[in-house]
Amino acid sequence: MKPRRPYVFTSSLAPHITGLIEEKRAAGFAYNSASDVLKELDTFCLQNDFSEATVTKELADAWSIQRESEGISARNIRVGILRQISKYINSLGIDAYLPSHNQSTETKEAHVFTEEERNAFFEKLNSLTPVSRSYGERLLEECRVLFRLYYCCGMRLAEPLEMTWECFDPDAMTLRILHSKGDKDRLIWILDDMVSMLKSYRNYIRKACPDSEWMFPGTRNGKHLNEVTVRAYFLRVWNSTEFAGNSNPPTIKSFRHTFVVDRLNMWMSDGADAEERLPYLSKHLGHSRIDESLYYYHQVEESRKIIRLRDTTSGRVIPEVNDNEE
């Protein structure tokens, strides 16, 4: 019987993987089962285009998703071995994200709104009635605009809340996001209908709160609308839809996931060069690297519908992922 050809690690984590294996075996451990998991990790990084020479949160989150074919214990073993890699990298003086060792429940895949869910959500949002006499109507009007910004612009939760009206330039059709993640500023371009909506909303809110500089003023003087209130309104709307019993319910961040998937699917469906447009999408989202944007797309089942139809495009943009590696 011929000996098996030794596996050659080739991902960006390859030097650290081989270093960890050598260290463990030098200490007297066989480390064979763990090595098999590390081969899977090496392949996973290549297939999902994780190119940093360290363990990032994005990689850890994607790797931590429980597969259909495995139980919690098997999932925790995989994550535990990734954790060993992170500790090894940290021991070399290089920053690496350290994932949680065990999880007693399944790590949920990202929720991407279907067209039916989106329509139901915004229909319920439009027909929702105020719950407070003093602020209810205004807060409801703010949320009607906010949730459309989240979906149509792919914003993070806090980004529109921290905008003042100086951030809105209707002539240039832009919104300026200040001090976002990583303390970075950026401009995003918006479409005509979004400009019209914001201009109409600005007329309303300036009458309702003439002394506030915030685009979305809160109920306390000088403060903008807080995240707790926004989440409460989101749950109230979602729970009033027919989809409220979904086993993987959405969060406000699901609008951002949906924004990314819808844009990439639209480009692929139209036959556009998605790879050429990805840098612009990353800049719009406030990401420093393209793979941060693709991370949203990698997680979701909804995307696979278009990938199957556009193999030639997706092969360059989204590496193929086997069913048991999602």
Protein backbone atom coordinates (compact mmCIF):
# COMPACT_ATOMS: atom_id res chain seq x y z
CA MET A 1 0.00 0.00 0.00
CA LYS A 2 1.44 3.34 -1.04
CA PRO A 3 1.82 5.94 1.67
CA ARG A 4 -0.57 8.87 1.42
CA ARG A 5 0.88 11.96 -0.19
CA PRO A 6 1.28 14.61 2.53
CA TYR A 7 -1.31 17.37 2.40
CA VAL A 8 0.11 20.78 1.44
CA PHE A 9 -1.60 23.71 3.14
CA THR A 10 -1.98 26.60 0.71
CA SER A 11 -4.38 29.12 2.25
CA SER A 12 -3.32 32.38 3.87
CA LEU A 13 -3.31 30.54 7.23
CA ALA A 14 -0.95 27.83 5.93
CA PRO A 15 2.22 28.98 7.81
CA HIS A 16 0.32 29.16 11.09
CA ILE A 17 -1.44 25.84 10.56
CA THR A 18 1.82 24.01 9.84
CA GLY A 19 3.49 25.82 12.75
CA LEU A 20 0.77 24.73 15.16
CA ILE A 21 0.90 21.10 13.96
CA GLU A 22 4.68 21.00 14.33
CA GLU A 23 4.46 22.51 17.81
CA LYS A 24 1.82 20.00 18.96
CA ARG A 25 3.72 17.01 17.57
CA ALA A 26 6.99 18.22 19.06
CA ALA A 27 5.17 18.23 22.41
CA GLY A 28 4.27 14.54 21.93
CA PHE A 29 0.72 14.82 20.58
CA ALA A 30 -0.30 12.81 17.51
CA TYR A 31 -2.68 15.60 16.54
CA ASN A 32 -4.06 13.61 13.58
CA SER A 33 -7.78 14.29 14.03
CA ALA A 34 -7.14 17.97 14.57
CA SER A 35 -4.96 18.01 11.44
CA ASP A 36 -7.89 16.69 9.42
CA VAL A 37 -10.04 19.58 10.68
CA LEU A 38 -7.25 21.99 9.80
CA LYS A 39 -7.25 20.65 6.25
CA GLU A 40 -10.96 21.49 6.12
CA LEU A 41 -10.19 24.96 7.47
CA ASP A 42 -7.48 25.44 4.83
CA THR A 43 -9.95 24.51 2.08
CA PHE A 44 -12.68 26.65 3.66
CA CYS A 45 -10.43 29.74 3.57
CA LEU A 46 -9.60 29.16 -0.09
CA GLN A 47 -13.15 28.49 -1.19
CA ASN A 48 -14.57 31.48 0.69
CA ASP A 49 -11.77 33.87 -0.26
CA PHE A 50 -10.52 34.62 3.26
CA SER A 51 -7.10 35.99 2.40
CA GLU A 52 -5.79 37.53 5.63
CA ALA A 53 -2.88 35.76 7.30
CA THR A 54 -4.72 35.70 10.61
CA VAL A 55 -8.08 34.70 12.07
CA THR A 56 -10.58 37.53 11.62
CA LYS A 57 -14.02 37.83 13.18
CA GLU A 58 -15.54 37.38 9.73
CA LEU A 59 -13.71 34.08 9.27
CA ALA A 60 -14.59 32.90 12.77
CA ASP A 61 -18.28 33.73 12.32
CA ALA A 62 -18.47 31.95 8.97
CA TRP A 63 -16.58 28.89 10.25
CA SER A 64 -18.76 28.74 13.37
CA ILE A 65 -22.04 28.21 11.51
CA GLN A 66 -23.34 24.76 12.38
CA ARG A 67 -23.63 22.48 9.36
CA GLU A 68 -26.73 20.47 8.60
CA SER A 69 -24.73 17.24 8.80
CA GLU A 70 -23.23 17.82 12.25
CA GLY A 71 -24.29 18.17 15.87
CA ILE A 72 -23.38 20.86 18.37
CA SER A 73 -20.44 18.82 19.73
CA ALA A 74 -18.87 18.42 16.28
CA ARG A 75 -19.38 22.10 15.62
CA ASN A 76 -17.72 22.99 18.93
CA ILE A 77 -14.73 20.77 18.11
CA ARG A 78 -14.22 22.63 14.83
CA VAL A 79 -14.45 26.00 16.56
CA GLY A 80 -12.13 24.80 19.31
CA ILE A 81 -9.44 23.96 16.77
CA LEU A 82 -9.85 27.38 15.13
CA ARG A 83 -9.41 28.78 18.62
CA GLN A 84 -6.10 26.92 18.93
CA ILE A 85 -4.93 28.54 15.69
CA SER A 86 -5.92 31.96 17.06
CA LYS A 87 -3.99 31.36 20.29
CA TYR A 88 -0.95 30.19 18.31
CA ILE A 89 -1.05 33.32 16.13
CA ASN A 90 -1.44 35.54 19.20
CA SER A 91 1.60 33.85 20.74
CA LEU A 92 3.62 35.05 17.75
CA GLY A 93 2.69 38.65 18.55
CA ILE A 94 0.11 38.86 15.75
CA ASP A 95 -3.47 39.90 16.46
CA ALA A 96 -6.02 37.14 15.88
CA TYR A 97 -9.69 37.02 16.76
CA LEU A 98 -10.43 34.45 19.49
CA PRO A 99 -13.85 32.83 18.92
CA SER A 100 -16.01 31.57 21.76
CA HIS A 101 -15.08 27.95 22.52
CA ASN A 102 -18.46 26.32 22.94
CA GLN A 103 -21.98 27.17 21.97
CA SER A 104 -24.96 25.34 23.33
CA THR A 105 -27.27 26.39 20.52
CA GLU A 106 -26.96 26.60 16.78
CA THR A 107 -25.26 29.59 15.19
CA LYS A 108 -27.94 30.98 12.91
CA GLU A 109 -27.29 31.83 9.32
CA ALA A 110 -27.96 35.41 8.32
CA HIS A 111 -31.58 36.20 7.53
CA VAL A 112 -32.14 37.71 4.09
CA PHE A 113 -35.62 39.06 3.51
CA THR A 114 -37.58 37.42 0.73
CA GLU A 115 -39.62 39.70 -1.50
CA GLU A 116 -42.79 38.56 0.29
CA GLU A 117 -41.29 39.29 3.72
CA ARG A 118 -40.11 42.74 2.65
CA ASN A 119 -43.49 43.65 1.20
CA ALA A 120 -45.30 42.42 4.31
CA PHE A 121 -42.93 44.32 6.61
CA PHE A 122 -43.32 47.67 4.88
CA GLU A 123 -47.07 47.26 4.44
CA LYS A 124 -47.42 46.68 8.19
CA LEU A 125 -45.06 49.58 8.87
CA ASN A 126 -47.23 51.91 6.77
CA SER A 127 -50.42 50.85 8.55
CA LEU A 128 -49.00 50.74 12.09
CA THR A 129 -50.75 52.95 14.64
CA PRO A 130 -49.01 55.07 17.32
CA VAL A 131 -48.71 53.70 20.85
CA SER A 132 -48.04 57.03 22.56
CA ARG A 133 -50.05 60.25 22.43
CA SER A 134 -47.09 62.52 23.00
CA TYR A 135 -44.41 61.09 20.71
CA GLY A 136 -46.02 58.10 19.02
CA GLU A 137 -46.91 59.61 15.64
CA ARG A 138 -43.51 61.28 15.26
CA LEU A 139 -41.52 58.20 16.26
CA LEU A 140 -43.55 56.12 13.85
CA GLU A 141 -42.83 58.56 11.03
CA GLU A 142 -39.11 58.47 11.89
CA CYS A 143 -39.07 54.68 11.79
CA ARG A 144 -40.87 54.60 8.46
CA VAL A 145 -37.97 56.56 6.98
CA LEU A 146 -35.28 54.79 9.02
CA PHE A 147 -36.19 51.26 7.95
CA ARG A 148 -36.21 52.32 4.32
CA LEU A 149 -32.73 53.79 4.75
CA TYR A 150 -31.53 50.53 6.30
CA TYR A 151 -32.84 48.50 3.39
CA CYS A 152 -32.20 50.86 0.46
CA CYS A 153 -28.75 52.00 1.62
CA GLY A 154 -27.45 49.02 3.60
CA MET A 155 -26.60 51.17 6.63
CA ARG A 156 -25.44 49.94 10.01
CA LEU A 157 -27.89 50.40 12.89
CA ALA A 158 -26.31 53.52 14.42
CA GLU A 159 -25.30 55.31 11.21
CA PRO A 160 -28.55 57.13 10.31
CA LEU A 161 -29.35 57.76 13.98
CA GLU A 162 -26.21 59.85 14.35
CA MET A 163 -26.85 61.99 11.25
CA THR A 164 -27.69 65.68 11.40
CA TRP A 165 -29.40 67.49 8.53
CA GLU A 166 -26.00 68.83 7.47
CA CYS A 167 -25.23 65.26 6.38
CA PHE A 168 -27.95 65.37 3.71
CA ASP A 169 -27.16 67.07 0.39
CA PRO A 170 -30.21 66.78 -1.88
CA ASP A 171 -28.50 68.54 -4.80
CA ALA A 172 -25.54 66.16 -4.77
CA MET A 173 -27.87 63.26 -3.85
CA THR A 174 -25.60 62.15 -1.02
CA LEU A 175 -25.63 61.30 2.66
CA ARG A 176 -22.51 61.79 4.74
CA ILE A 177 -21.88 59.16 7.41
CA LEU A 178 -19.60 60.44 10.18
CA HIS A 179 -17.48 58.51 12.69
CA SER A 180 -18.81 55.11 11.75
CA LYS A 181 -17.08 51.78 12.44
CA GLY A 182 -13.34 52.38 12.75
CA ASP A 183 -14.10 56.11 13.21
CA LYS A 184 -14.34 56.50 9.43
CA ASP A 185 -16.38 59.01 7.45
CA ARG A 186 -17.85 58.26 4.03
CA LEU A 187 -20.29 59.53 1.43
CA ILE A 188 -23.05 57.39 -0.01
CA TRP A 189 -25.06 58.25 -3.09
CA ILE A 190 -28.83 57.86 -3.01
CA LEU A 191 -31.49 57.64 -5.72
CA ASP A 192 -34.14 60.22 -6.66
CA ASP A 193 -36.94 58.55 -4.73
CA MET A 194 -34.82 58.46 -1.58
CA VAL A 195 -33.97 62.16 -2.00
CA SER A 196 -37.67 62.99 -2.39
CA MET A 197 -38.57 60.94 0.66
CA LEU A 198 -35.92 62.66 2.80
CA LYS A 199 -36.91 66.15 1.63
CA SER A 200 -40.55 65.48 2.50
CA TYR A 201 -39.54 63.97 5.84
CA ARG A 202 -37.27 66.96 6.58
CA ASN A 203 -40.23 69.34 6.17
CA TYR A 204 -42.23 67.21 8.59
CA ILE A 205 -39.57 66.75 11.28
CA ARG A 206 -38.50 70.42 11.29
CA LYS A 207 -42.07 71.37 12.14
CA ALA A 208 -42.33 68.64 14.77
CA CYS A 209 -38.87 69.34 16.32
CA PRO A 210 -37.79 72.82 15.19
CA ASP A 211 -34.95 73.03 17.71
CA SER A 212 -33.29 69.69 16.90
CA GLU A 213 -30.29 69.32 14.60
CA TRP A 214 -30.71 65.54 14.44
CA MET A 215 -32.24 63.88 11.42
CA PHE A 216 -33.95 61.45 13.80
CA PRO A 217 -34.53 63.25 17.11
CA GLY A 218 -35.34 61.25 20.22
CA THR A 219 -37.77 61.93 23.01
CA ARG A 220 -35.15 63.62 25.21
CA ASN A 221 -34.07 67.17 24.39
CA GLY A 222 -30.82 67.31 22.46
CA LYS A 223 -30.63 63.53 21.93
CA HIS A 224 -31.13 61.51 18.78
CA LEU A 225 -33.40 58.48 18.58
CA ASN A 226 -31.86 55.56 20.47
CA GLU A 227 -31.21 52.03 19.24
CA VAL A 228 -33.48 50.43 21.86
CA THR A 229 -36.51 52.33 20.54
CA VAL A 230 -35.68 51.45 16.94
CA ARG A 231 -35.33 47.76 17.78
CA ALA A 232 -38.67 47.85 19.64
CA TYR A 233 -40.42 49.30 16.60
CA PHE A 234 -38.75 46.75 14.32
CA LEU A 235 -39.99 43.86 16.47
CA ARG A 236 -43.46 45.35 16.68
CA VAL A 237 -43.69 45.54 12.89
CA TRP A 238 -42.14 42.13 12.20
CA ASN A 239 -44.26 40.37 14.81
CA SER A 240 -47.41 41.75 13.18
CA THR A 241 -46.57 40.06 9.85
CA GLU A 242 -47.59 36.55 8.84
CA PHE A 243 -43.91 35.55 8.91
CA ALA A 244 -43.41 36.23 12.62
CA GLY A 245 -43.03 32.52 13.43
CA ASN A 246 -39.92 32.14 11.25
CA SER A 247 -37.39 29.88 12.99
CA ASN A 248 -34.60 32.24 11.95
CA PRO A 249 -36.15 35.68 12.56
CA PRO A 250 -34.54 38.81 11.12
CA THR A 251 -32.92 41.69 12.95
CA ILE A 252 -32.34 45.23 11.74
CA LYS A 253 -28.95 44.06 10.43
CA SER A 254 -30.86 41.74 8.10
CA PHE A 255 -31.66 44.79 5.97
CA ARG A 256 -27.91 45.24 5.42
CA HIS A 257 -27.49 41.56 4.51
CA THR A 258 -30.42 41.85 2.12
CA PHE A 259 -29.00 44.99 0.53
CA VAL A 260 -25.75 43.18 -0.32
CA VAL A 261 -27.42 40.02 -1.62
CA ASP A 262 -29.97 41.95 -3.68
CA ARG A 263 -27.29 44.10 -5.31
CA LEU A 264 -25.05 41.17 -6.22
CA ASN A 265 -27.98 39.08 -7.42
CA MET A 266 -29.23 42.00 -9.53
CA TRP A 267 -25.82 42.46 -11.15
CA MET A 268 -25.48 38.77 -11.89
CA SER A 269 -29.02 38.56 -13.26
CA ASP A 270 -28.34 41.52 -15.54
CA GLY A 271 -25.10 39.99 -16.75
CA ALA A 272 -23.08 42.90 -15.31
CA ASP A 273 -19.47 42.49 -14.22
CA ALA A 274 -20.04 42.03 -10.49
CA GLU A 275 -16.32 41.69 -9.82
CA GLU A 276 -15.71 45.12 -11.34
CA ARG A 277 -18.43 46.69 -9.18
CA LEU A 278 -17.49 45.04 -5.89
CA PRO A 279 -14.99 47.77 -4.82
CA TYR A 280 -17.77 50.36 -5.10
CA LEU A 281 -20.11 48.20 -3.04
CA SER A 282 -17.43 47.79 -0.35
CA LYS A 283 -16.83 51.53 -0.25
CA HIS A 284 -20.57 52.20 0.02
CA LEU A 285 -20.84 49.78 2.96
CA GLY A 286 -17.84 51.28 4.74
CA HIS A 287 -15.69 48.16 4.39
CA SER A 288 -11.94 48.35 4.01
CA ARG A 289 -11.74 45.09 2.02
CA ILE A 290 -13.93 43.42 -0.58
CA ASP A 291 -14.04 40.14 1.37
CA GLU A 292 -15.82 41.94 4.23
CA SER A 293 -18.68 42.67 1.83
CA LEU A 294 -18.67 39.15 0.40
CA TYR A 295 -18.90 37.79 3.95
CA TYR A 296 -22.57 38.81 3.99
CA TYR A 297 -23.14 36.96 0.74
CA HIS A 298 -21.28 33.79 1.71
CA GLN A 299 -23.62 33.06 4.61
CA VAL A 300 -26.94 33.03 2.86
CA GLU A 301 -28.93 30.40 1.03
CA GLU A 302 -30.92 33.01 -0.93
CA SER A 303 -27.84 33.85 -2.98
CA ARG A 304 -27.45 30.34 -4.37
CA LYS A 305 -30.49 30.74 -6.61
CA ILE A 306 -28.63 33.25 -8.78
CA ILE A 307 -25.26 31.56 -8.42
CA ARG A 308 -26.66 28.43 -10.06
CA LEU A 309 -27.83 30.52 -13.01
CA ARG A 310 -24.65 32.59 -13.33
CA ASP A 311 -21.84 30.13 -12.84
CA THR A 312 -19.39 32.00 -15.09
CA THR A 313 -19.73 35.21 -13.11
CA SER A 314 -20.01 33.73 -9.65
CA GLY A 315 -17.00 31.49 -10.21
CA ARG A 316 -14.82 34.57 -10.23
CA VAL A 317 -16.67 36.47 -7.52
CA ILE A 318 -18.03 33.84 -5.12
CA PRO A 319 -15.97 30.65 -4.90
CA GLU A 320 -18.04 27.47 -4.95
CA VAL A 321 -19.14 26.25 -1.52
CA ASN A 322 -20.27 22.70 -0.87
CA ASP A 323 -23.54 22.17 0.98
CA ASN A 324 -21.77 20.85 4.08
CA GLU A 325 -19.40 23.82 4.27
CA GLU A 326 -21.87 26.66 4.62
